[in-house]
């Protein structure tokens, strides 16, 4: 998805890519990462967390979600 469509300045998108928050390819962020980007931006605007902190929080939340899915899968066995 084009970063300008998301309301993100191209320089900001580049910075977020350098931090490893999103993958940036020719001014586009993969659609699967839009939710991740939105979560990082919400953490920053709502809680005042810096981008590095927001990236760490997001990574931990994604890991927790993955573990929860795995736990649910194992329970269904």
C-alpha atoms as a PDB file:
ATOM      1  CA  UNK A   1       0.000   0.000   0.000  1.00  0.00           C
ATOM      2  CA  UNK A   2       1.320   3.426  -0.896  1.00  0.00           C
ATOM      3  CA  UNK A   3       2.610   5.266   2.183  1.00  0.00           C
ATOM      4  CA  UNK A   4       1.051   8.568   1.141  1.00  0.00           C
ATOM      5  CA  UNK A   5      -2.349   6.840   0.973  1.00  0.00           C
ATOM      6  CA  UNK A   6      -1.785   5.901   4.611  1.00  0.00           C
ATOM      7  CA  UNK A   7      -0.967   9.514   5.457  1.00  0.00           C
ATOM      8  CA  UNK A   8       2.701   8.758   6.094  1.00  0.00           C
ATOM      9  CA  UNK A   9       5.395  11.052   4.737  1.00  0.00           C
ATOM     10  CA  UNK A  10       7.902   9.104   2.603  1.00  0.00           C
ATOM     11  CA  UNK A  11      10.784  10.174   4.870  1.00  0.00           C
ATOM     12  CA  UNK A  12       8.894   8.847   7.910  1.00  0.00           C
ATOM     13  CA  UNK A  13       8.214   5.590   6.080  1.00  0.00           C
ATOM     14  CA  UNK A  14      11.921   5.288   5.318  1.00  0.00           C
ATOM     15  CA  UNK A  15      12.767   5.886   8.993  1.00  0.00           C
ATOM     16  CA  UNK A  16      10.265   3.232  10.088  1.00  0.00           C
ATOM     17  CA  UNK A  17      11.788   0.817   7.587  1.00  0.00           C
ATOM     18  CA  UNK A  18      15.277   1.539   8.945  1.00  0.00           C
ATOM     19  CA  UNK A  19      13.989   0.703  12.433  1.00  0.00           C
ATOM     20  CA  UNK A  20      12.627  -2.579  11.090  1.00  0.00           C
ATOM     21  CA  UNK A  21       9.032  -1.665  11.841  1.00  0.00           C
ATOM     22  CA  UNK A  22       7.879  -2.128   8.244  1.00  0.00           C
ATOM     23  CA  UNK A  23       9.286  -3.287   4.935  1.00  0.00           C
ATOM     24  CA  UNK A  24       9.381  -0.513   2.359  1.00  0.00           C
ATOM     25  CA  UNK A  25       9.518  -1.252  -1.348  1.00  0.00           C
ATOM     26  CA  UNK A  26       9.390   1.718  -3.682  1.00  0.00           C
ATOM     27  CA  UNK A  27       7.222   3.790  -1.382  1.00  0.00           C
ATOM     28  CA  UNK A  28       4.904   0.886  -0.638  1.00  0.00           C
ATOM     29  CA  UNK A  29       4.333  -1.074   2.552  1.00  0.00           C
ATOM     30  CA  UNK A  30       3.048  -4.654   2.220  1.00  0.00           C
ATOM     31  CA  UNK A  31      -0.657  -4.835   3.013  1.00  0.00           C
ATOM     32  CA  UNK A  32      -0.001  -7.432   5.719  1.00  0.00           C
ATOM     33  CA  UNK A  33       2.046  -4.820   7.642  1.00  0.00           C
ATOM     34  CA  UNK A  34      -0.531  -2.027   7.631  1.00  0.00           C
ATOM     35  CA  UNK A  35      -2.017  -3.218  10.935  1.00  0.00           C
ATOM     36  CA  UNK A  36       1.459  -3.324  12.459  1.00  0.00           C
ATOM     37  CA  UNK A  37       2.131   0.224  11.296  1.00  0.00           C
ATOM     38  CA  UNK A  38      -1.189   1.425  12.699  1.00  0.00           C
ATOM     39  CA  UNK A  39      -0.435  -0.192  16.057  1.00  0.00           C
ATOM     40  CA  UNK A  40       2.978   1.504  16.230  1.00  0.00           C
ATOM     41  CA  UNK A  41       1.465   4.879  15.360  1.00  0.00           C
ATOM     42  CA  UNK A  42      -1.288   4.433  17.988  1.00  0.00           C
ATOM     43  CA  UNK A  43       1.277   3.585  20.667  1.00  0.00           C
ATOM     44  CA  UNK A  44       3.197   6.700  19.740  1.00  0.00           C
ATOM     45  CA  UNK A  45       0.242   9.070  19.635  1.00  0.00           C
ATOM     46  CA  UNK A  46      -1.772   7.645  22.539  1.00  0.00           C
ATOM     47  CA  UNK A  47       0.975   6.781  24.992  1.00  0.00           C
ATOM     48  CA  UNK A  48       3.849   8.938  23.808  1.00  0.00           C
ATOM     49  CA  UNK A  49       6.059   5.894  23.268  1.00  0.00           C
ATOM     50  CA  UNK A  50       8.999   6.555  20.946  1.00  0.00           C
ATOM     51  CA  UNK A  51       9.250   4.562  17.727  1.00  0.00           C
ATOM     52  CA  UNK A  52      11.866   2.164  19.077  1.00  0.00           C
ATOM     53  CA  UNK A  53       9.728   1.422  22.127  1.00  0.00           C
ATOM     54  CA  UNK A  54       6.624   1.049  19.986  1.00  0.00           C
ATOM     55  CA  UNK A  55       8.469  -1.409  17.745  1.00  0.00           C
ATOM     56  CA  UNK A  56       9.517  -3.494  20.751  1.00  0.00           C
ATOM     57  CA  UNK A  57       6.006  -3.456  22.223  1.00  0.00           C
ATOM     58  CA  UNK A  58       4.520  -4.414  18.868  1.00  0.00           C
ATOM     59  CA  UNK A  59       6.977  -7.281  18.430  1.00  0.00           C
ATOM     60  CA  UNK A  60       6.150  -8.622  21.899  1.00  0.00           C
ATOM     61  CA  UNK A  61       2.404  -8.321  21.273  1.00  0.00           C
ATOM     62  CA  UNK A  62       2.777 -10.179  17.974  1.00  0.00           C
ATOM     63  CA  UNK A  63       4.722 -12.946  19.707  1.00  0.00           C
ATOM     64  CA  UNK A  64       2.058 -13.196  22.404  1.00  0.00           C
ATOM     65  CA  UNK A  65      -0.666 -13.414  19.763  1.00  0.00           C
ATOM     66  CA  UNK A  66       1.264 -16.179  18.016  1.00  0.00           C
ATOM     67  CA  UNK A  67       1.690 -18.097  21.271  1.00  0.00           C
ATOM     68  CA  UNK A  68      -2.006 -17.698  22.040  1.00  0.00           C
ATOM     69  CA  UNK A  69      -2.895 -19.103  18.617  1.00  0.00           C
ATOM     70  CA  UNK A  70      -0.505 -22.014  19.164  1.00  0.00           C
ATOM     71  CA  UNK A  71      -1.987 -22.700  22.594  1.00  0.00           C
ATOM     72  CA  UNK A  72      -5.507 -22.711  21.155  1.00  0.00           C
ATOM     73  CA  UNK A  73      -4.380 -25.055  18.382  1.00  0.00           C
ATOM     74  CA  UNK A  74      -2.836 -27.448  20.911  1.00  0.00           C
ATOM     75  CA  UNK A  75      -5.968 -27.381  23.063  1.00  0.00           C
ATOM     76  CA  UNK A  76      -8.091 -28.469  20.101  1.00  0.00           C
ATOM     77  CA  UNK A  77      -6.035 -31.640  19.634  1.00  0.00           C
END
